Amino acid sequence: MKPLKTLIPVVLMLLLAVPAFSAEAVAATTNTPATETNARAEVLINRLEEIKAMDHSTMTRKEKRVLRKEVRSIEKELKKIDSGGVYISVGGIIIILLLLILLL
């Protein structure tokens, strides 16, 4: 009975902390509509294809460096666009498992 009394406050604190983080993630993703992000992703992908189709042998070192930086920034932006998902923390998974064990 004693371990259960210490476990309940820990579980309650973890349950209160999880919604606070998920609310920030939801607010950040709802600012831009899906069609707008899809259109932006299409533009970025087209630009990457244009860069790959260029003839790099005639370019100077500085031009190549600028293109590499542009490709890196485009790839980072595409990762941000594609990184929509639900993340569950380790504490959240442990709580869910404990609740399933207790209820079943």
PDB file of N, CA and C in Angstrom:
ATOM      1  N   MET A   1       0.828  -1.185   0.000  1.00  0.00           N
ATOM      2  CA  MET A   1       0.000   0.000   0.000  1.00  0.00           C
ATOM      3  C   MET A   1       0.873   1.249   0.000  1.00  0.00           C
ATOM      4  N   LYS A   2       1.996   1.194   0.697  1.00  0.00           N
ATOM      5  CA  LYS A   2       2.888   2.345   0.772  1.00  0.00           C
ATOM      6  C   LYS A   2       3.447   2.726  -0.604  1.00  0.00           C
ATOM      7  N   PRO A   3       3.922   1.754  -1.436  1.00  0.00           N
ATOM      8  CA  PRO A   3       4.422   2.143  -2.760  1.00  0.00           C
ATOM      9  C   PRO A   3       3.332   2.758  -3.635  1.00  0.00           C
ATOM     10  N   LEU A   4       2.104   2.324  -3.462  1.00  0.00           N
ATOM     11  CA  LEU A   4       1.005   2.873  -4.242  1.00  0.00           C
ATOM     12  C   LEU A   4       0.752   4.330  -3.865  1.00  0.00           C
ATOM     13  N   LYS A   5       0.906   4.659  -2.588  1.00  0.00           N
ATOM     14  CA  LYS A   5       0.720   6.044  -2.149  1.00  0.00           C
ATOM     15  C   LYS A   5       1.790   6.962  -2.721  1.00  0.00           C
ATOM     16  N   THR A   6       2.987   6.462  -2.917  1.00  0.00           N
ATOM     17  CA  THR A   6       4.040   7.290  -3.507  1.00  0.00           C
ATOM     18  C   THR A   6       3.931   7.320  -5.031  1.00  0.00           C
ATOM     19  N   LEU A   7       3.337   6.306  -5.619  1.00  0.00           N
ATOM     20  CA  LEU A   7       3.212   6.239  -7.067  1.00  0.00           C
ATOM     21  C   LEU A   7       2.118   7.173  -7.587  1.00  0.00           C
ATOM     22  N   ILE A   8       1.053   7.327  -6.841  1.00  0.00           N
ATOM     23  CA  ILE A   8      -0.077   8.151  -7.294  1.00  0.00           C
ATOM     24  C   ILE A   8       0.326   9.613  -7.512  1.00  0.00           C
ATOM     25  N   PRO A   9       1.033  10.286  -6.605  1.00  0.00           N
ATOM     26  CA  PRO A   9       1.426  11.673  -6.885  1.00  0.00           C
ATOM     27  C   PRO A   9       2.372  11.789  -8.089  1.00  0.00           C
ATOM     28  N   VAL A  10       3.245  10.817  -8.250  1.00  0.00           N
ATOM     29  CA  VAL A  10       4.163  10.846  -9.397  1.00  0.00           C
ATOM     30  C   VAL A  10       3.379  10.725 -10.695  1.00  0.00           C
ATOM     31  N   VAL A  11       2.416   9.824 -10.728  1.00  0.00           N
ATOM     32  CA  VAL A  11       1.591   9.638 -11.919  1.00  0.00           C
ATOM     33  C   VAL A  11       0.796  10.910 -12.216  1.00  0.00           C
ATOM     34  N   LEU A  12       0.240  11.526 -11.202  1.00  0.00           N
ATOM     35  CA  LEU A  12      -0.530  12.746 -11.399  1.00  0.00           C
ATOM     36  C   LEU A  12       0.336  13.890 -11.929  1.00  0.00           C
ATOM     37  N   MET A  13       1.543  14.014 -11.413  1.00  0.00           N
ATOM     38  CA  MET A  13       2.444  15.072 -11.906  1.00  0.00           C
ATOM     39  C   MET A  13       2.804  14.838 -13.365  1.00  0.00           C
ATOM     40  N   LEU A  14       3.072  13.592 -13.727  1.00  0.00           N
ATOM     41  CA  LEU A  14       3.411  13.287 -15.114  1.00  0.00           C
ATOM     42  C   LEU A  14       2.227  13.522 -16.045  1.00  0.00           C
ATOM     43  N   LEU A  15       1.035  13.191 -15.579  1.00  0.00           N
ATOM     44  CA  LEU A  15      -0.148  13.413 -16.408  1.00  0.00           C
ATOM     45  C   LEU A  15      -0.412  14.903 -16.617  1.00  0.00           C
ATOM     46  N   LEU A  16      -0.098  15.712 -15.630  1.00  0.00           N
ATOM     47  CA  LEU A  16      -0.302  17.148 -15.772  1.00  0.00           C
ATOM     48  C   LEU A  16       0.766  17.782 -16.653  1.00  0.00           C
ATOM     49  N   ALA A  17       1.943  17.212 -16.697  1.00  0.00           N
ATOM     50  CA  ALA A  17       3.034  17.774 -17.492  1.00  0.00           C
ATOM     51  C   ALA A  17       2.873  17.447 -18.976  1.00  0.00           C
ATOM     52  N   VAL A  18       2.336  16.313 -19.322  1.00  0.00           N
ATOM     53  CA  VAL A  18       2.228  15.895 -20.717  1.00  0.00           C
ATOM     54  C   VAL A  18       1.303  16.807 -21.524  1.00  0.00           C
ATOM     55  N   PRO A  19       0.104  17.183 -21.049  1.00  0.00           N
ATOM     56  CA  PRO A  19      -0.750  18.059 -21.857  1.00  0.00           C
ATOM     57  C   PRO A  19      -0.133  19.438 -22.106  1.00  0.00           C
ATOM     58  N   ALA A  20       0.687  19.921 -21.205  1.00  0.00           N
ATOM     59  CA  ALA A  20       1.301  21.229 -21.406  1.00  0.00           C
ATOM     60  C   ALA A  20       2.221  21.212 -22.615  1.00  0.00           C
ATOM     61  N   PHE A  21       2.986  20.148 -22.783  1.00  0.00           N
ATOM     62  CA  PHE A  21       3.878  20.058 -23.930  1.00  0.00           C
ATOM     63  C   PHE A  21       3.105  19.810 -25.215  1.00  0.00           C
ATOM     64  N   SER A  22       2.061  19.017 -25.166  1.00  0.00           N
ATOM     65  CA  SER A  22       1.315  18.711 -26.381  1.00  0.00           C
ATOM     66  C   SER A  22       0.532  19.930 -26.859  1.00  0.00           C
ATOM     67  N   ALA A  23       0.114  20.810 -25.969  1.00  0.00           N
ATOM     68  CA  ALA A  23      -0.615  22.011 -26.369  1.00  0.00           C
ATOM     69  C   ALA A  23       0.273  22.931 -27.186  1.00  0.00           C
ATOM     70  N   GLU A  24       1.552  23.032 -26.830  1.00  0.00           N
ATOM     71  CA  GLU A  24       2.477  23.862 -27.597  1.00  0.00           C
ATOM     72  C   GLU A  24       2.685  23.285 -28.982  1.00  0.00           C
ATOM     73  N   ALA A  25       2.785  21.990 -29.083  1.00  0.00           N
ATOM     74  CA  ALA A  25       3.001  21.358 -30.385  1.00  0.00           C
ATOM     75  C   ALA A  25       1.779  21.537 -31.283  1.00  0.00           C
ATOM     76  N   VAL A  26       0.593  21.438 -30.715  1.00  0.00           N
ATOM     77  CA  VAL A  26      -0.625  21.613 -31.504  1.00  0.00           C
ATOM     78  C   VAL A  26      -0.744  23.050 -31.966  1.00  0.00           C
ATOM     79  N   ALA A  27      -0.430  23.998 -31.113  1.00  0.00           N
ATOM     80  CA  ALA A  27      -0.524  25.399 -31.491  1.00  0.00           C
ATOM     81  C   ALA A  27       0.459  25.738 -32.598  1.00  0.00           C
ATOM     82  N   ALA A  28       1.630  25.149 -32.574  1.00  0.00           N
ATOM     83  CA  ALA A  28       2.637  25.431 -33.597  1.00  0.00           C
ATOM     84  C   ALA A  28       2.239  24.842 -34.940  1.00  0.00           C
ATOM     85  N   THR A  29       1.585  23.707 -34.957  1.00  0.00           N
ATOM     86  CA  THR A  29       1.250  23.066 -36.222  1.00  0.00           C
ATOM     87  C   THR A  29      -0.033  23.608 -36.827  1.00  0.00           C
ATOM     88  N   THR A  30      -0.908  24.220 -36.060  1.00  0.00           N
ATOM     89  CA  THR A  30      -2.167  24.700 -36.605  1.00  0.00           C
ATOM     90  C   THR A  30      -2.054  26.097 -37.202  1.00  0.00           C
ATOM     91  N   ASN A  31      -0.903  26.740 -37.113  1.00  0.00           N
ATOM     92  CA  ASN A  31      -0.757  28.080 -37.662  1.00  0.00           C
ATOM     93  C   ASN A  31      -0.776  28.097 -39.178  1.00  0.00           C
ATOM     94  N   THR A  32      -0.262  27.072 -39.841  1.00  0.00           N
ATOM     95  CA  THR A  32      -0.217  27.053 -41.290  1.00  0.00           C
ATOM     96  C   THR A  32      -1.103  25.934 -41.816  1.00  0.00           C
ATOM     97  N   PRO A  33      -1.941  26.235 -42.797  1.00  0.00           N
ATOM     98  CA  PRO A  33      -2.797  25.187 -43.371  1.00  0.00           C
ATOM     99  C   PRO A  33      -1.972  24.161 -44.137  1.00  0.00           C
ATOM    100  N   ALA A  34      -2.561  23.000 -44.314  1.00  0.00           N
ATOM    101  CA  ALA A  34      -1.846  21.903 -44.970  1.00  0.00           C
ATOM    102  C   ALA A  34      -1.541  22.223 -46.425  1.00  0.00           C
ATOM    103  N   THR A  35      -2.454  22.886 -47.106  1.00  0.00           N
ATOM    104  CA  THR A  35      -2.224  23.190 -48.519  1.00  0.00           C
ATOM    105  C   THR A  35      -1.075  24.169 -48.692  1.00  0.00           C
ATOM    106  N   GLU A  36      -0.952  25.078 -47.752  1.00  0.00           N
ATOM    107  CA  GLU A  36       0.140  26.053 -47.822  1.00  0.00           C
ATOM    108  C   GLU A  36       1.493  25.368 -47.623  1.00  0.00           C
ATOM    109  N   THR A  37       1.566  24.460 -46.688  1.00  0.00           N
ATOM    110  CA  THR A  37       2.830  23.761 -46.454  1.00  0.00           C
ATOM    111  C   THR A  37       3.152  22.819 -47.606  1.00  0.00           C
ATOM    112  N   ASN A  38       2.118  22.187 -48.185  1.00  0.00           N
ATOM    113  CA  ASN A  38       2.353  21.309 -49.330  1.00  0.00           C
ATOM    114  C   ASN A  38       2.862  22.097 -50.527  1.00  0.00           C
ATOM    115  N   ALA A  39       2.309  23.283 -50.739  1.00  0.00           N
ATOM    116  CA  ALA A  39       2.759  24.121 -51.844  1.00  0.00           C
ATOM    117  C   ALA A  39       4.201  24.560 -51.627  1.00  0.00           C
ATOM    118  N   ARG A  40       4.525  24.912 -50.404  1.00  0.00           N
ATOM    119  CA  ARG A  40       5.898  25.327 -50.095  1.00  0.00           C
ATOM    120  C   ARG A  40       6.864  24.157 -50.298  1.00  0.00           C
ATOM    121  N   ALA A  41       6.455  22.965 -49.902  1.00  0.00           N
ATOM    122  CA  ALA A  41       7.302  21.786 -50.077  1.00  0.00           C
ATOM    123  C   ALA A  41       7.534  21.510 -51.561  1.00  0.00           C
ATOM    124  N   GLU A  42       6.500  21.680 -52.375  1.00  0.00           N
ATOM    125  CA  GLU A  42       6.645  21.477 -53.819  1.00  0.00           C
ATOM    126  C   GLU A  42       7.652  22.456 -54.412  1.00  0.00           C
ATOM    127  N   VAL A  43       7.576  23.719 -53.976  1.00  0.00           N
ATOM    128  CA  VAL A  43       8.513  24.738 -54.469  1.00  0.00           C
ATOM    129  C   VAL A  43       9.944  24.376 -54.083  1.00  0.00           C
ATOM    130  N   LEU A  44      10.124  23.944 -52.852  1.00  0.00           N
ATOM    131  CA  LEU A  44      11.466  23.583 -52.386  1.00  0.00           C
ATOM    132  C   LEU A  44      12.016  22.361 -53.131  1.00  0.00           C
ATOM    133  N   ILE A  45      11.162  21.375 -53.359  1.00  0.00           N
ATOM    134  CA  ILE A  45      11.603  20.182 -54.078  1.00  0.00           C
ATOM    135  C   ILE A  45      11.978  20.538 -55.516  1.00  0.00           C
ATOM    136  N   ASN A  46      11.185  21.411 -56.135  1.00  0.00           N
ATOM    137  CA  ASN A  46      11.512  21.835 -57.496  1.00  0.00           C
ATOM    138  C   ASN A  46      12.853  22.563 -57.538  1.00  0.00           C
ATOM    139  N   ARG A  47      13.107  23.377 -56.537  1.00  0.00           N
ATOM    140  CA  ARG A  47      14.385  24.093 -56.493  1.00  0.00           C
ATOM    141  C   ARG A  47      15.548  23.119 -56.328  1.00  0.00           C
ATOM    142  N   LEU A  48      15.378  22.099 -55.499  1.00  0.00           N
ATOM    143  CA  LEU A  48      16.427  21.088 -55.336  1.00  0.00           C
ATOM    144  C   LEU A  48      16.704  20.366 -56.655  1.00  0.00           C
ATOM    145  N   GLU A  49      15.636  20.062 -57.390  1.00  0.00           N
ATOM    146  CA  GLU A  49      15.813  19.408 -58.684  1.00  0.00           C
ATOM    147  C   GLU A  49      16.539  20.318 -59.669  1.00  0.00           C
ATOM    148  N   GLU A  50      16.236  21.610 -59.636  1.00  0.00           N
ATOM    149  CA  GLU A  50      16.933  22.564 -60.506  1.00  0.00           C
ATOM    150  C   GLU A  50      18.426  22.607 -60.182  1.00  0.00           C
ATOM    151  N   ILE A  51      18.736  22.618 -58.909  1.00  0.00           N
ATOM    152  CA  ILE A  51      20.139  22.670 -58.497  1.00  0.00           C
ATOM    153  C   ILE A  51      20.870  21.397 -58.933  1.00  0.00           C
ATOM    154  N   LYS A  52      20.207  20.246 -58.773  1.00  0.00           N
ATOM    155  CA  LYS A  52      20.840  18.990 -59.182  1.00  0.00           C
ATOM    156  C   LYS A  52      21.043  18.928 -60.693  1.00  0.00           C
ATOM    157  N   ALA A  53      20.164  19.577 -61.457  1.00  0.00           N
ATOM    158  CA  ALA A  53      20.265  19.549 -62.918  1.00  0.00           C
ATOM    159  C   ALA A  53      21.326  20.521 -63.450  1.00  0.00           C
ATOM    160  N   MET A  54      21.814  21.423 -62.611  1.00  0.00           N
ATOM    161  CA  MET A  54      22.812  22.402 -63.052  1.00  0.00           C
ATOM    162  C   MET A  54      24.140  21.728 -63.370  1.00  0.00           C
ATOM    163  N   ASP A  55      24.911  22.395 -64.227  1.00  0.00           N
ATOM    164  CA  ASP A  55      26.253  21.930 -64.551  1.00  0.00           C
ATOM    165  C   ASP A  55      27.224  22.566 -63.556  1.00  0.00           C
ATOM    166  N   HIS A  56      27.708  21.777 -62.626  1.00  0.00           N
ATOM    167  CA  HIS A  56      28.563  22.296 -61.559  1.00  0.00           C
ATOM    168  C   HIS A  56      30.018  22.470 -61.986  1.00  0.00           C
ATOM    169  N   SER A  57      30.384  21.879 -63.102  1.00  0.00           N
ATOM    170  CA  SER A  57      31.793  21.936 -63.503  1.00  0.00           C
ATOM    171  C   SER A  57      32.208  23.332 -63.976  1.00  0.00           C
ATOM    172  N   THR A  58      31.264  24.134 -64.432  1.00  0.00           N
ATOM    173  CA  THR A  58      31.610  25.472 -64.914  1.00  0.00           C
ATOM    174  C   THR A  58      31.517  26.536 -63.820  1.00  0.00           C
ATOM    175  N   MET A  59      31.094  26.140 -62.650  1.00  0.00           N
ATOM    176  CA  MET A  59      30.914  27.101 -61.561  1.00  0.00           C
ATOM    177  C   MET A  59      32.213  27.341 -60.809  1.00  0.00           C
ATOM    178  N   THR A  60      32.286  28.521 -60.199  1.00  0.00           N
ATOM    179  CA  THR A  60      33.436  28.820 -59.359  1.00  0.00           C
ATOM    180  C   THR A  60      33.222  28.200 -57.986  1.00  0.00           C
ATOM    181  N   ARG A  61      34.252  28.262 -57.170  1.00  0.00           N
ATOM    182  CA  ARG A  61      34.172  27.717 -55.814  1.00  0.00           C
ATOM    183  C   ARG A  61      33.102  28.410 -54.984  1.00  0.00           C
ATOM    184  N   LYS A  62      33.045  29.726 -55.117  1.00  0.00           N
ATOM    185  CA  LYS A  62      32.080  30.496 -54.330  1.00  0.00           C
ATOM    186  C   LYS A  62      30.653  30.153 -54.734  1.00  0.00           C
ATOM    187  N   GLU A  63      30.409  30.003 -56.017  1.00  0.00           N
ATOM    188  CA  GLU A  63      29.066  29.649 -56.477  1.00  0.00           C
ATOM    189  C   GLU A  63      28.652  28.272 -55.963  1.00  0.00           C
ATOM    190  N   LYS A  64      29.598  27.327 -55.994  1.00  0.00           N
ATOM    191  CA  LYS A  64      29.302  25.990 -55.472  1.00  0.00           C
ATOM    192  C   LYS A  64      29.000  26.035 -53.981  1.00  0.00           C
ATOM    193  N   ARG A  65      29.751  26.838 -53.254  1.00  0.00           N
ATOM    194  CA  ARG A  65      29.546  26.962 -51.815  1.00  0.00           C
ATOM    195  C   ARG A  65      28.167  27.541 -51.512  1.00  0.00           C
ATOM    196  N   VAL A  66      27.776  28.559 -52.282  1.00  0.00           N
ATOM    197  CA  VAL A  66      26.461  29.174 -52.093  1.00  0.00           C
ATOM    198  C   VAL A  66      25.363  28.143 -52.367  1.00  0.00           C
ATOM    199  N   LEU A  67      25.527  27.352 -53.425  1.00  0.00           N
ATOM    200  CA  LEU A  67      24.536  26.325 -53.736  1.00  0.00           C
ATOM    201  C   LEU A  67      24.467  25.258 -52.649  1.00  0.00           C
ATOM    202  N   ARG A  68      25.615  24.864 -52.101  1.00  0.00           N
ATOM    203  CA  ARG A  68      25.610  23.870 -51.011  1.00  0.00           C
ATOM    204  C   ARG A  68      24.858  24.397 -49.796  1.00  0.00           C
ATOM    205  N   LYS A  69      25.097  25.669 -49.472  1.00  0.00           N
ATOM    206  CA  LYS A  69      24.388  26.266 -48.333  1.00  0.00           C
ATOM    207  C   LYS A  69      22.886  26.324 -48.599  1.00  0.00           C
ATOM    208  N   GLU A  70      22.529  26.643 -49.835  1.00  0.00           N
ATOM    209  CA  GLU A  70      21.107  26.706 -50.181  1.00  0.00           C
ATOM    210  C   GLU A  70      20.461  25.330 -50.087  1.00  0.00           C
ATOM    211  N   VAL A  71      21.170  24.308 -50.567  1.00  0.00           N
ATOM    212  CA  VAL A  71      20.645  22.940 -50.498  1.00  0.00           C
ATOM    213  C   VAL A  71      20.468  22.517 -49.042  1.00  0.00           C
ATOM    214  N   ARG A  72      21.426  22.823 -48.203  1.00  0.00           N
ATOM    215  CA  ARG A  72      21.310  22.473 -46.781  1.00  0.00           C
ATOM    216  C   ARG A  72      20.119  23.167 -46.134  1.00  0.00           C
ATOM    217  N   SER A  73      19.942  24.447 -46.427  1.00  0.00           N
ATOM    218  CA  SER A  73      18.821  25.173 -45.820  1.00  0.00           C
ATOM    219  C   SER A  73      17.484  24.643 -46.333  1.00  0.00           C
ATOM    220  N   ILE A  74      17.421  24.283 -47.612  1.00  0.00           N
ATOM    221  CA  ILE A  74      16.185  23.718 -48.163  1.00  0.00           C
ATOM    222  C   ILE A  74      15.882  22.375 -47.504  1.00  0.00           C
ATOM    223  N   GLU A  75      16.903  21.547 -47.336  1.00  0.00           N
ATOM    224  CA  GLU A  75      16.689  20.246 -46.705  1.00  0.00           C
ATOM    225  C   GLU A  75      16.237  20.389 -45.258  1.00  0.00           C
ATOM    226  N   LYS A  76      16.793  21.364 -44.535  1.00  0.00           N
ATOM    227  CA  LYS A  76      16.355  21.600 -43.152  1.00  0.00           C
ATOM    228  C   LYS A  76      14.897  22.038 -43.118  1.00  0.00           C
ATOM    229  N   GLU A  77      14.533  22.910 -44.050  1.00  0.00           N
ATOM    230  CA  GLU A  77      13.151  23.391 -44.089  1.00  0.00           C
ATOM    231  C   GLU A  77      12.185  22.261 -44.451  1.00  0.00           C
ATOM    232  N   LEU A  78      12.591  21.387 -45.364  1.00  0.00           N
ATOM    233  CA  LEU A  78      11.747  20.242 -45.720  1.00  0.00           C
ATOM    234  C   LEU A  78      11.583  19.294 -44.533  1.00  0.00           C
ATOM    235  N   LYS A  79      12.623  19.122 -43.742  1.00  0.00           N
ATOM    236  CA  LYS A  79      12.514  18.278 -42.549  1.00  0.00           C
ATOM    237  C   LYS A  79      11.528  18.876 -41.555  1.00  0.00           C
ATOM    238  N   LYS A  80      11.529  20.207 -41.432  1.00  0.00           N
ATOM    239  CA  LYS A  80      10.585  20.856 -40.526  1.00  0.00           C
ATOM    240  C   LYS A  80       9.157  20.669 -41.011  1.00  0.00           C
ATOM    241  N   ILE A  81       8.969  20.737 -42.311  1.00  0.00           N
ATOM    242  CA  ILE A  81       7.622  20.568 -42.867  1.00  0.00           C
ATOM    243  C   ILE A  81       7.141  19.141 -42.670  1.00  0.00           C
ATOM    244  N   ASP A  82       8.025  18.163 -42.882  1.00  0.00           N
ATOM    245  CA  ASP A  82       7.647  16.759 -42.804  1.00  0.00           C
ATOM    246  C   ASP A  82       7.590  16.219 -41.383  1.00  0.00           C
ATOM    247  N   SER A  83       8.037  16.966 -40.418  1.00  0.00           N
ATOM    248  CA  SER A  83       8.144  16.423 -39.066  1.00  0.00           C
ATOM    249  C   SER A  83       6.865  16.596 -38.261  1.00  0.00           C
ATOM    250  N   GLY A  84       5.731  16.400 -38.871  1.00  0.00           N
ATOM    251  CA  GLY A  84       4.476  16.451 -38.139  1.00  0.00           C
ATOM    252  C   GLY A  84       4.159  15.076 -37.606  1.00  0.00           C
ATOM    253  N   GLY A  85       3.934  14.961 -36.327  1.00  0.00           N
ATOM    254  CA  GLY A  85       3.639  13.660 -35.761  1.00  0.00           C
ATOM    255  C   GLY A  85       3.327  13.766 -34.292  1.00  0.00           C
ATOM    256  N   VAL A  86       2.979  12.650 -33.731  1.00  0.00           N
ATOM    257  CA  VAL A  86       2.653  12.598 -32.317  1.00  0.00           C
ATOM    258  C   VAL A  86       3.832  11.967 -31.595  1.00  0.00           C
ATOM    259  N   TYR A  87       4.330  12.655 -30.612  1.00  0.00           N
ATOM    260  CA  TYR A  87       5.444  12.156 -29.830  1.00  0.00           C
ATOM    261  C   TYR A  87       4.966  11.846 -28.420  1.00  0.00           C
ATOM    262  N   ILE A  88       5.308  10.667 -27.946  1.00  0.00           N
ATOM    263  CA  ILE A  88       4.949  10.263 -26.592  1.00  0.00           C
ATOM    264  C   ILE A  88       6.248  10.092 -25.820  1.00  0.00           C
ATOM    265  N   SER A  89       6.323  10.740 -24.699  1.00  0.00           N
ATOM    266  CA  SER A  89       7.535  10.654 -23.896  1.00  0.00           C
ATOM    267  C   SER A  89       7.626   9.296 -23.209  1.00  0.00           C
ATOM    268  N   VAL A  90       8.796   9.016 -22.687  1.00  0.00           N
ATOM    269  CA  VAL A  90       9.017   7.745 -21.993  1.00  0.00           C
ATOM    270  C   VAL A  90       8.142   7.678 -20.748  1.00  0.00           C
ATOM    271  N   GLY A  91       8.026   8.802 -20.057  1.00  0.00           N
ATOM    272  CA  GLY A  91       7.169   8.826 -18.872  1.00  0.00           C
ATOM    273  C   GLY A  91       5.721   8.555 -19.218  1.00  0.00           C
ATOM    274  N   GLY A  92       5.278   9.094 -20.349  1.00  0.00           N
ATOM    275  CA  GLY A  92       3.906   8.860 -20.793  1.00  0.00           C
ATOM    276  C   GLY A  92       3.665   7.402 -21.126  1.00  0.00           C
ATOM    277  N   ILE A  93       4.630   6.778 -21.767  1.00  0.00           N
ATOM    278  CA  ILE A  93       4.503   5.358 -22.110  1.00  0.00           C
ATOM    279  C   ILE A  93       4.456   4.506 -20.851  1.00  0.00           C
ATOM    280  N   ILE A  94       5.292   4.845 -19.873  1.00  0.00           N
ATOM    281  CA  ILE A  94       5.298   4.093 -18.611  1.00  0.00           C
ATOM    282  C   ILE A  94       3.957   4.235 -17.905  1.00  0.00           C
ATOM    283  N   ILE A  95       3.404   5.428 -17.896  1.00  0.00           N
ATOM    284  CA  ILE A  95       2.108   5.648 -17.255  1.00  0.00           C
ATOM    285  C   ILE A  95       1.022   4.848 -17.956  1.00  0.00           C
ATOM    286  N   ILE A  96       1.031   4.871 -19.273  1.00  0.00           N
ATOM    287  CA  ILE A  96       0.029   4.116 -20.024  1.00  0.00           C
ATOM    288  C   ILE A  96       0.151   2.628 -19.720  1.00  0.00           C
ATOM    289  N   LEU A  97       1.369   2.119 -19.681  1.00  0.00           N
ATOM    290  CA  LEU A  97       1.557   0.706 -19.372  1.00  0.00           C
ATOM    291  C   LEU A  97       1.105   0.374 -17.974  1.00  0.00           C
ATOM    292  N   LEU A  98       1.424   1.235 -17.008  1.00  0.00           N
ATOM    293  CA  LEU A  98       0.980   0.986 -15.622  1.00  0.00           C
ATOM    294  C   LEU A  98      -0.536   1.006 -15.517  1.00  0.00           C
ATOM    295  N   LEU A  99      -1.161   1.948 -16.208  1.00  0.00           N
ATOM    296  CA  LEU A  99      -2.618   1.986 -16.166  1.00  0.00           C
ATOM    297  C   LEU A  99      -3.229   0.750 -16.820  1.00  0.00           C
ATOM    298  N   LEU A 100      -2.667   0.320 -17.911  1.00  0.00           N
ATOM    299  CA  LEU A 100      -3.171  -0.903 -18.554  1.00  0.00           C
ATOM    300  C   LEU A 100      -3.010  -2.118 -17.653  1.00  0.00           C
ATOM    301  N   ILE A 101      -1.873  -2.202 -16.971  1.00  0.00           N
ATOM    302  CA  ILE A 101      -1.642  -3.328 -16.070  1.00  0.00           C
ATOM    303  C   ILE A 101      -2.610  -3.293 -14.899  1.00  0.00           C
ATOM    304  N   LEU A 102      -2.840  -2.112 -14.349  1.00  0.00           N
ATOM    305  CA  LEU A 102      -3.740  -1.990 -13.208  1.00  0.00           C
ATOM    306  C   LEU A 102      -5.190  -2.236 -13.604  1.00  0.00           C
ATOM    307  N   LEU A 103      -5.575  -1.782 -14.789  1.00  0.00           N
ATOM    308  CA  LEU A 103      -6.963  -1.934 -15.201  1.00  0.00           C
ATOM    309  C   LEU A 103      -7.274  -3.319 -15.757  1.00  0.00           C
ATOM    310  N   LEU A 104      -6.279  -3.970 -16.317  1.00  0.00           N
ATOM    311  CA  LEU A 104      -6.534  -5.290 -16.877  1.00  0.00           C
ATOM    312  C   LEU A 104      -6.087  -6.317 -15.875  1.00  0.00           C
TER     313      LEU A 104
END
